[in-house]
């Protein structure tokens, strides 16, 4: 994202601040050739940005007691 001018920031300050807080992505602001960063105070976990997907078909509790097979050292070596 290209740096915002102070005027653009002033016009959209609430939108920009909400965006930074939701995404955790810093916004660069430029004034008189100098750059500032608007960043959230607490770091956002990268795992929080992952899209949640439904990949389990059925009841997830059934996976807790799932018996796949038994290891037999003599047969499996």
PDB file of N, CA and C in Angstrom:
ATOM      1  N   UNK A   1       0.847  -1.173   0.000  1.00  0.00           N
ATOM      2  CA  UNK A   1       0.000   0.000   0.000  1.00  0.00           C
ATOM      3  C   UNK A   1       0.890   1.234   0.000  1.00  0.00           C
ATOM      4  N   UNK A   2       0.547   2.208  -0.819  1.00  0.00           N
ATOM      5  CA  UNK A   2       1.329   3.431  -0.894  1.00  0.00           C
ATOM      6  C   UNK A   2       1.044   4.293   0.338  1.00  0.00           C
ATOM      7  N   UNK A   3       2.004   5.136   0.704  1.00  0.00           N
ATOM      8  CA  UNK A   3       1.817   5.975   1.893  1.00  0.00           C
ATOM      9  C   UNK A   3       0.629   6.927   1.738  1.00  0.00           C
ATOM     10  N   UNK A   4      -0.073   7.152   2.825  1.00  0.00           N
ATOM     11  CA  UNK A   4      -1.182   8.108   2.851  1.00  0.00           C
ATOM     12  C   UNK A   4      -0.643   9.491   3.181  1.00  0.00           C
ATOM     13  N   UNK A   5      -1.257  10.491   2.589  1.00  0.00           N
ATOM     14  CA  UNK A   5      -0.930  11.853   3.005  1.00  0.00           C
ATOM     15  C   UNK A   5      -1.691  12.134   4.296  1.00  0.00           C
ATOM     16  N   UNK A   6      -1.282  13.154   5.006  1.00  0.00           N
ATOM     17  CA  UNK A   6      -1.972  13.527   6.241  1.00  0.00           C
ATOM     18  C   UNK A   6      -3.403  13.957   5.932  1.00  0.00           C
ATOM     19  N   UNK A   7      -3.597  14.592   4.793  1.00  0.00           N
ATOM     20  CA  UNK A   7      -4.949  15.017   4.403  1.00  0.00           C
ATOM     21  C   UNK A   7      -5.849  13.804   4.170  1.00  0.00           C
ATOM     22  N   UNK A   8      -5.341  12.784   3.476  1.00  0.00           N
ATOM     23  CA  UNK A   8      -6.124  11.566   3.241  1.00  0.00           C
ATOM     24  C   UNK A   8      -6.398  10.844   4.556  1.00  0.00           C
ATOM     25  N   UNK A   9      -5.423  10.841   5.449  1.00  0.00           N
ATOM     26  CA  UNK A   9      -5.624  10.225   6.761  1.00  0.00           C
ATOM     27  C   UNK A   9      -6.706  10.980   7.536  1.00  0.00           C
ATOM     28  N   UNK A  10      -6.649  12.293   7.514  1.00  0.00           N
ATOM     29  CA  UNK A  10      -7.624  13.115   8.238  1.00  0.00           C
ATOM     30  C   UNK A  10      -9.043  12.833   7.739  1.00  0.00           C
ATOM     31  N   UNK A  11      -9.212  12.646   6.430  1.00  0.00           N
ATOM     32  CA  UNK A  11     -10.534  12.406   5.858  1.00  0.00           C
ATOM     33  C   UNK A  11     -11.079  11.025   6.217  1.00  0.00           C
ATOM     34  N   UNK A  12     -10.191  10.053   6.425  1.00  0.00           N
ATOM     35  CA  UNK A  12     -10.620   8.668   6.661  1.00  0.00           C
ATOM     36  C   UNK A  12     -10.025   8.085   7.939  1.00  0.00           C
ATOM     37  N   UNK A  13      -9.797   8.895   8.948  1.00  0.00           N
ATOM     38  CA  UNK A  13      -9.048   8.424  10.111  1.00  0.00           C
ATOM     39  C   UNK A  13      -9.701   7.232  10.809  1.00  0.00           C
ATOM     40  N   UNK A  14     -11.016   7.265  10.972  1.00  0.00           N
ATOM     41  CA  UNK A  14     -11.675   6.166  11.674  1.00  0.00           C
ATOM     42  C   UNK A  14     -11.610   4.877  10.860  1.00  0.00           C
ATOM     43  N   UNK A  15     -11.777   4.978   9.569  1.00  0.00           N
ATOM     44  CA  UNK A  15     -11.702   3.817   8.685  1.00  0.00           C
ATOM     45  C   UNK A  15     -10.287   3.224   8.695  1.00  0.00           C
ATOM     46  N   UNK A  16      -9.285   4.087   8.602  1.00  0.00           N
ATOM     47  CA  UNK A  16      -7.887   3.636   8.586  1.00  0.00           C
ATOM     48  C   UNK A  16      -7.515   2.978   9.910  1.00  0.00           C
ATOM     49  N   UNK A  17      -7.905   3.596  11.024  1.00  0.00           N
ATOM     50  CA  UNK A  17      -7.580   3.038  12.346  1.00  0.00           C
ATOM     51  C   UNK A  17      -8.267   1.684  12.528  1.00  0.00           C
ATOM     52  N   UNK A  18      -9.531   1.580  12.135  1.00  0.00           N
ATOM     53  CA  UNK A  18     -10.234   0.299  12.248  1.00  0.00           C
ATOM     54  C   UNK A  18      -9.575  -0.771  11.392  1.00  0.00           C
ATOM     55  N   UNK A  19      -9.120  -0.405  10.206  1.00  0.00           N
ATOM     56  CA  UNK A  19      -8.450  -1.349   9.314  1.00  0.00           C
ATOM     57  C   UNK A  19      -7.151  -1.858   9.940  1.00  0.00           C
ATOM     58  N   UNK A  20      -6.370  -0.968  10.531  1.00  0.00           N
ATOM     59  CA  UNK A  20      -5.117  -1.366  11.170  1.00  0.00           C
ATOM     60  C   UNK A  20      -5.391  -2.294  12.352  1.00  0.00           C
ATOM     61  N   UNK A  21      -6.400  -1.988  13.134  1.00  0.00           N
ATOM     62  CA  UNK A  21      -6.720  -2.821  14.292  1.00  0.00           C
ATOM     63  C   UNK A  21      -7.238  -4.200  13.877  1.00  0.00           C
ATOM     64  N   UNK A  22      -8.015  -4.276  12.805  1.00  0.00           N
ATOM     65  CA  UNK A  22      -8.572  -5.551  12.361  1.00  0.00           C
ATOM     66  C   UNK A  22      -7.528  -6.438  11.688  1.00  0.00           C
ATOM     67  N   UNK A  23      -6.704  -5.860  10.836  1.00  0.00           N
ATOM     68  CA  UNK A  23      -5.764  -6.668  10.057  1.00  0.00           C
ATOM     69  C   UNK A  23      -4.388  -6.786  10.703  1.00  0.00           C
ATOM     70  N   UNK A  24      -4.001  -5.799  11.505  1.00  0.00           N
ATOM     71  CA  UNK A  24      -2.659  -5.801  12.088  1.00  0.00           C
ATOM     72  C   UNK A  24      -1.604  -5.295  11.128  1.00  0.00           C
ATOM     73  N   UNK A  25      -2.013  -4.893   9.923  1.00  0.00           N
ATOM     74  CA  UNK A  25      -1.077  -4.400   8.914  1.00  0.00           C
ATOM     75  C   UNK A  25      -0.860  -2.905   9.138  1.00  0.00           C
ATOM     76  N   UNK A  26       0.397  -2.479   9.306  1.00  0.00           N
ATOM     77  CA  UNK A  26       0.674  -1.059   9.528  1.00  0.00           C
ATOM     78  C   UNK A  26       0.328  -0.211   8.305  1.00  0.00           C
ATOM     79  N   UNK A  27      -0.012   1.040   8.539  1.00  0.00           N
ATOM     80  CA  UNK A  27      -0.289   1.998   7.473  1.00  0.00           C
ATOM     81  C   UNK A  27       0.795   3.063   7.526  1.00  0.00           C
ATOM     82  N   UNK A  28       1.356   3.352   6.353  1.00  0.00           N
ATOM     83  CA  UNK A  28       2.418   4.342   6.248  1.00  0.00           C
ATOM     84  C   UNK A  28       1.803   5.704   5.930  1.00  0.00           C
ATOM     85  N   UNK A  29       2.246   6.721   6.649  1.00  0.00           N
ATOM     86  CA  UNK A  29       1.752   8.092   6.474  1.00  0.00           C
ATOM     87  C   UNK A  29       2.961   8.956   6.113  1.00  0.00           C
ATOM     88  N   UNK A  30       2.782   9.834   5.131  1.00  0.00           N
ATOM     89  CA  UNK A  30       3.887  10.690   4.701  1.00  0.00           C
ATOM     90  C   UNK A  30       3.536  12.151   4.910  1.00  0.00           C
ATOM     91  N   UNK A  31       4.497  12.895   5.466  1.00  0.00           N
ATOM     92  CA  UNK A  31       4.311  14.331   5.698  1.00  0.00           C
ATOM     93  C   UNK A  31       5.657  15.016   5.497  1.00  0.00           C
ATOM     94  N   UNK A  32       5.709  15.950   4.588  1.00  0.00           N
ATOM     95  CA  UNK A  32       6.936  16.708   4.274  1.00  0.00           C
ATOM     96  C   UNK A  32       8.114  15.782   3.971  1.00  0.00           C
ATOM     97  N   UNK A  33       7.857  14.710   3.233  1.00  0.00           N
ATOM     98  CA  UNK A  33       8.922  13.793   2.839  1.00  0.00           C
ATOM     99  C   UNK A  33       9.348  12.814   3.908  1.00  0.00           C
ATOM    100  N   UNK A  34       8.767  12.906   5.091  1.00  0.00           N
ATOM    101  CA  UNK A  34       9.100  11.973   6.168  1.00  0.00           C
ATOM    102  C   UNK A  34       7.947  10.986   6.340  1.00  0.00           C
ATOM    103  N   UNK A  35       8.279   9.780   6.762  1.00  0.00           N
ATOM    104  CA  UNK A  35       7.273   8.725   6.860  1.00  0.00           C
ATOM    105  C   UNK A  35       7.045   8.316   8.306  1.00  0.00           C
ATOM    106  N   UNK A  36       5.794   8.032   8.603  1.00  0.00           N
ATOM    107  CA  UNK A  36       5.373   7.537   9.919  1.00  0.00           C
ATOM    108  C   UNK A  36       4.650   6.220   9.708  1.00  0.00           C
ATOM    109  N   UNK A  37       4.594   5.409  10.739  1.00  0.00           N
ATOM    110  CA  UNK A  37       3.827   4.163  10.678  1.00  0.00           C
ATOM    111  C   UNK A  37       2.751   4.174  11.752  1.00  0.00           C
ATOM    112  N   UNK A  38       1.555   3.810  11.356  1.00  0.00           N
ATOM    113  CA  UNK A  38       0.459   3.616  12.294  1.00  0.00           C
ATOM    114  C   UNK A  38       0.332   2.103  12.468  1.00  0.00           C
ATOM    115  N   UNK A  39       0.706   1.613  13.651  1.00  0.00           N
ATOM    116  CA  UNK A  39       0.714   0.169  13.896  1.00  0.00           C
ATOM    117  C   UNK A  39      -0.073  -0.139  15.163  1.00  0.00           C
ATOM    118  N   UNK A  40      -0.625  -1.362  15.268  1.00  0.00           N
ATOM    119  CA  UNK A  40      -1.313  -1.742  16.504  1.00  0.00           C
ATOM    120  C   UNK A  40      -0.295  -1.948  17.624  1.00  0.00           C
ATOM    121  N   UNK A  41      -0.709  -1.675  18.846  1.00  0.00           N
ATOM    122  CA  UNK A  41       0.203  -1.784  19.989  1.00  0.00           C
ATOM    123  C   UNK A  41       0.572  -3.235  20.291  1.00  0.00           C
ATOM    124  N   UNK A  42      -0.382  -4.143  20.200  1.00  0.00           N
ATOM    125  CA  UNK A  42      -0.114  -5.546  20.482  1.00  0.00           C
ATOM    126  C   UNK A  42       0.035  -6.304  19.164  1.00  0.00           C
ATOM    127  N   UNK A  43       1.031  -7.187  19.062  1.00  0.00           N
ATOM    128  CA  UNK A  43       1.191  -7.937  17.818  1.00  0.00           C
ATOM    129  C   UNK A  43       0.013  -8.891  17.604  1.00  0.00           C
ATOM    130  N   UNK A  44      -0.365  -9.044  16.348  1.00  0.00           N
ATOM    131  CA  UNK A  44      -1.458  -9.940  15.990  1.00  0.00           C
ATOM    132  C   UNK A  44      -0.861 -11.281  15.600  1.00  0.00           C
ATOM    133  N   UNK A  45      -1.443 -12.343  16.102  1.00  0.00           N
ATOM    134  CA  UNK A  45      -0.985 -13.676  15.772  1.00  0.00           C
ATOM    135  C   UNK A  45      -1.189 -13.956  14.293  1.00  0.00           C
ATOM    136  N   UNK A  46      -0.203 -14.580  13.656  1.00  0.00           N
ATOM    137  CA  UNK A  46      -0.349 -14.931  12.246  1.00  0.00           C
ATOM    138  C   UNK A  46      -1.445 -15.972  12.060  1.00  0.00           C
ATOM    139  N   UNK A  47      -1.665 -16.789  13.068  1.00  0.00           N
ATOM    140  CA  UNK A  47      -2.716 -17.798  12.974  1.00  0.00           C
ATOM    141  C   UNK A  47      -4.100 -17.165  12.949  1.00  0.00           C
ATOM    142  N   UNK A  48      -4.231 -15.976  13.521  1.00  0.00           N
ATOM    143  CA  UNK A  48      -5.525 -15.298  13.524  1.00  0.00           C
ATOM    144  C   UNK A  48      -5.942 -14.866  12.119  1.00  0.00           C
ATOM    145  N   UNK A  49      -4.966 -14.741  11.213  1.00  0.00           N
ATOM    146  CA  UNK A  49      -5.273 -14.335   9.849  1.00  0.00           C
ATOM    147  C   UNK A  49      -5.695 -15.490   8.945  1.00  0.00           C
ATOM    148  N   UNK A  50      -5.561 -16.723   9.443  1.00  0.00           N
ATOM    149  CA  UNK A  50      -5.942 -17.871   8.623  1.00  0.00           C
ATOM    150  C   UNK A  50      -7.446 -17.936   8.442  1.00  0.00           C
ATOM    151  N   UNK A  51      -7.859 -18.302   7.252  1.00  0.00           N
ATOM    152  CA  UNK A  51      -9.279 -18.461   6.965  1.00  0.00           C
ATOM    153  C   UNK A  51      -9.751 -19.791   7.554  1.00  0.00           C
ATOM    154  N   UNK A  52     -10.830 -19.753   8.301  1.00  0.00           N
ATOM    155  CA  UNK A  52     -11.356 -20.962   8.906  1.00  0.00           C
ATOM    156  C   UNK A  52     -12.082 -21.772   7.836  1.00  0.00           C
ATOM    157  N   UNK A  53     -11.782 -23.067   7.769  1.00  0.00           N
ATOM    158  CA  UNK A  53     -12.371 -23.932   6.756  1.00  0.00           C
ATOM    159  C   UNK A  53     -13.033 -25.133   7.421  1.00  0.00           C
ATOM    160  N   UNK A  54     -14.106 -25.579   6.823  1.00  0.00           N
ATOM    161  CA  UNK A  54     -14.775 -26.782   7.306  1.00  0.00           C
ATOM    162  C   UNK A  54     -14.212 -27.962   6.519  1.00  0.00           C
ATOM    163  N   UNK A  55     -13.328 -28.733   7.144  1.00  0.00           N
ATOM    164  CA  UNK A  55     -12.692 -29.848   6.446  1.00  0.00           C
ATOM    165  C   UNK A  55     -13.101 -31.201   7.011  1.00  0.00           C
ATOM    166  N   UNK A  56     -13.741 -31.221   8.143  1.00  0.00           N
ATOM    167  CA  UNK A  56     -14.168 -32.480   8.741  1.00  0.00           C
ATOM    168  C   UNK A  56     -15.614 -32.732   8.338  1.00  0.00           C
ATOM    169  N   UNK A  57     -15.817 -33.867   7.696  1.00  0.00           N
ATOM    170  CA  UNK A  57     -17.169 -34.253   7.321  1.00  0.00           C
ATOM    171  C   UNK A  57     -17.674 -35.194   8.407  1.00  0.00           C
ATOM    172  N   UNK A  58     -18.722 -34.809   9.085  1.00  0.00           N
ATOM    173  CA  UNK A  58     -19.255 -35.623  10.168  1.00  0.00           C
ATOM    174  C   UNK A  58     -19.000 -34.960  11.510  1.00  0.00           C
ATOM    175  N   UNK A  59     -19.050 -35.775  12.541  1.00  0.00           N
ATOM    176  CA  UNK A  59     -18.888 -35.285  13.908  1.00  0.00           C
ATOM    177  C   UNK A  59     -17.419 -35.329  14.307  1.00  0.00           C
ATOM    178  N   UNK A  60     -16.794 -34.202  14.669  1.00  0.00           N
ATOM    179  CA  UNK A  60     -15.382 -34.204  15.053  1.00  0.00           C
ATOM    180  C   UNK A  60     -15.100 -35.031  16.303  1.00  0.00           C
ATOM    181  N   UNK A  61     -16.096 -35.205  17.168  1.00  0.00           N
ATOM    182  CA  UNK A  61     -15.885 -36.007  18.377  1.00  0.00           C
ATOM    183  C   UNK A  61     -15.644 -37.476  18.048  1.00  0.00           C
ATOM    184  N   UNK A  62     -16.085 -37.935  16.886  1.00  0.00           N
ATOM    185  CA  UNK A  62     -15.844 -39.324  16.479  1.00  0.00           C
ATOM    186  C   UNK A  62     -14.366 -39.578  16.216  1.00  0.00           C
ATOM    187  N   UNK A  63     -13.598 -38.534  15.927  1.00  0.00           N
ATOM    188  CA  UNK A  63     -12.171 -38.691  15.641  1.00  0.00           C
ATOM    189  C   UNK A  63     -11.352 -38.949  16.903  1.00  0.00           C
ATOM    190  N   UNK A  64     -11.896 -38.625  18.065  1.00  0.00           N
ATOM    191  CA  UNK A  64     -11.151 -38.785  19.312  1.00  0.00           C
ATOM    192  C   UNK A  64     -10.865 -40.251  19.591  1.00  0.00           C
ATOM    193  N   UNK A  65     -11.824 -41.110  19.377  1.00  0.00           N
ATOM    194  CA  UNK A  65     -11.670 -42.542  19.685  1.00  0.00           C
ATOM    195  C   UNK A  65     -11.442 -43.382  18.435  1.00  0.00           C
ATOM    196  N   UNK A  66     -10.981 -42.789  17.365  1.00  0.00           N
ATOM    197  CA  UNK A  66     -10.773 -43.491  16.111  1.00  0.00           C
ATOM    198  C   UNK A  66      -9.643 -44.499  16.253  1.00  0.00           C
ATOM    199  N   UNK A  67      -9.894 -45.743  15.898  1.00  0.00           N
ATOM    200  CA  UNK A  67      -8.892 -46.799  15.928  1.00  0.00           C
ATOM    201  C   UNK A  67      -8.508 -47.122  14.482  1.00  0.00           C
ATOM    202  N   UNK A  68      -7.313 -46.765  14.084  1.00  0.00           N
ATOM    203  CA  UNK A  68      -6.885 -46.959  12.704  1.00  0.00           C
ATOM    204  C   UNK A  68      -6.287 -48.341  12.516  1.00  0.00           C
ATOM    205  N   UNK A  69      -5.471 -48.734  13.387  1.00  0.00           N
ATOM    206  CA  UNK A  69      -4.805 -50.025  13.258  1.00  0.00           C
ATOM    207  C   UNK A  69      -3.933 -50.269  14.468  1.00  0.00           C
ATOM    208  N   UNK A  70      -3.308 -51.400  14.478  1.00  0.00           N
ATOM    209  CA  UNK A  70      -2.446 -51.762  15.602  1.00  0.00           C
ATOM    210  C   UNK A  70      -1.053 -52.039  15.067  1.00  0.00           C
ATOM    211  N   UNK A  71      -0.052 -51.554  15.755  1.00  0.00           N
ATOM    212  CA  UNK A  71       1.332 -51.741  15.333  1.00  0.00           C
ATOM    213  C   UNK A  71       1.839 -53.075  15.848  1.00  0.00           C
ATOM    214  N   UNK A  72       2.297 -53.877  14.902  1.00  0.00           N
ATOM    215  CA  UNK A  72       2.927 -55.150  15.265  1.00  0.00           C
ATOM    216  C   UNK A  72       4.359 -55.090  14.735  1.00  0.00           C
ATOM    217  N   UNK A  73       5.315 -55.082  15.639  1.00  0.00           N
ATOM    218  CA  UNK A  73       6.714 -54.876  15.274  1.00  0.00           C
ATOM    219  C   UNK A  73       7.192 -55.914  14.269  1.00  0.00           C
ATOM    220  N   UNK A  74       6.876 -57.162  14.497  1.00  0.00           N
ATOM    221  CA  UNK A  74       7.364 -58.217  13.610  1.00  0.00           C
ATOM    222  C   UNK A  74       6.748 -58.105  12.203  1.00  0.00           C
ATOM    223  N   UNK A  75       5.485 -57.764  12.117  1.00  0.00           N
ATOM    224  CA  UNK A  75       4.790 -57.670  10.834  1.00  0.00           C
ATOM    225  C   UNK A  75       5.138 -56.394  10.085  1.00  0.00           C
ATOM    226  N   UNK A  76       5.433 -55.326  10.791  1.00  0.00           N
ATOM    227  CA  UNK A  76       5.611 -54.021  10.166  1.00  0.00           C
ATOM    228  C   UNK A  76       7.070 -53.669   9.850  1.00  0.00           C
ATOM    229  N   UNK A  77       8.008 -54.539  10.199  1.00  0.00           N
ATOM    230  CA  UNK A  77       9.428 -54.217   9.936  1.00  0.00           C
ATOM    231  C   UNK A  77       9.886 -54.847   8.680  1.00  0.00           C
TER     232      UNK A  77
END
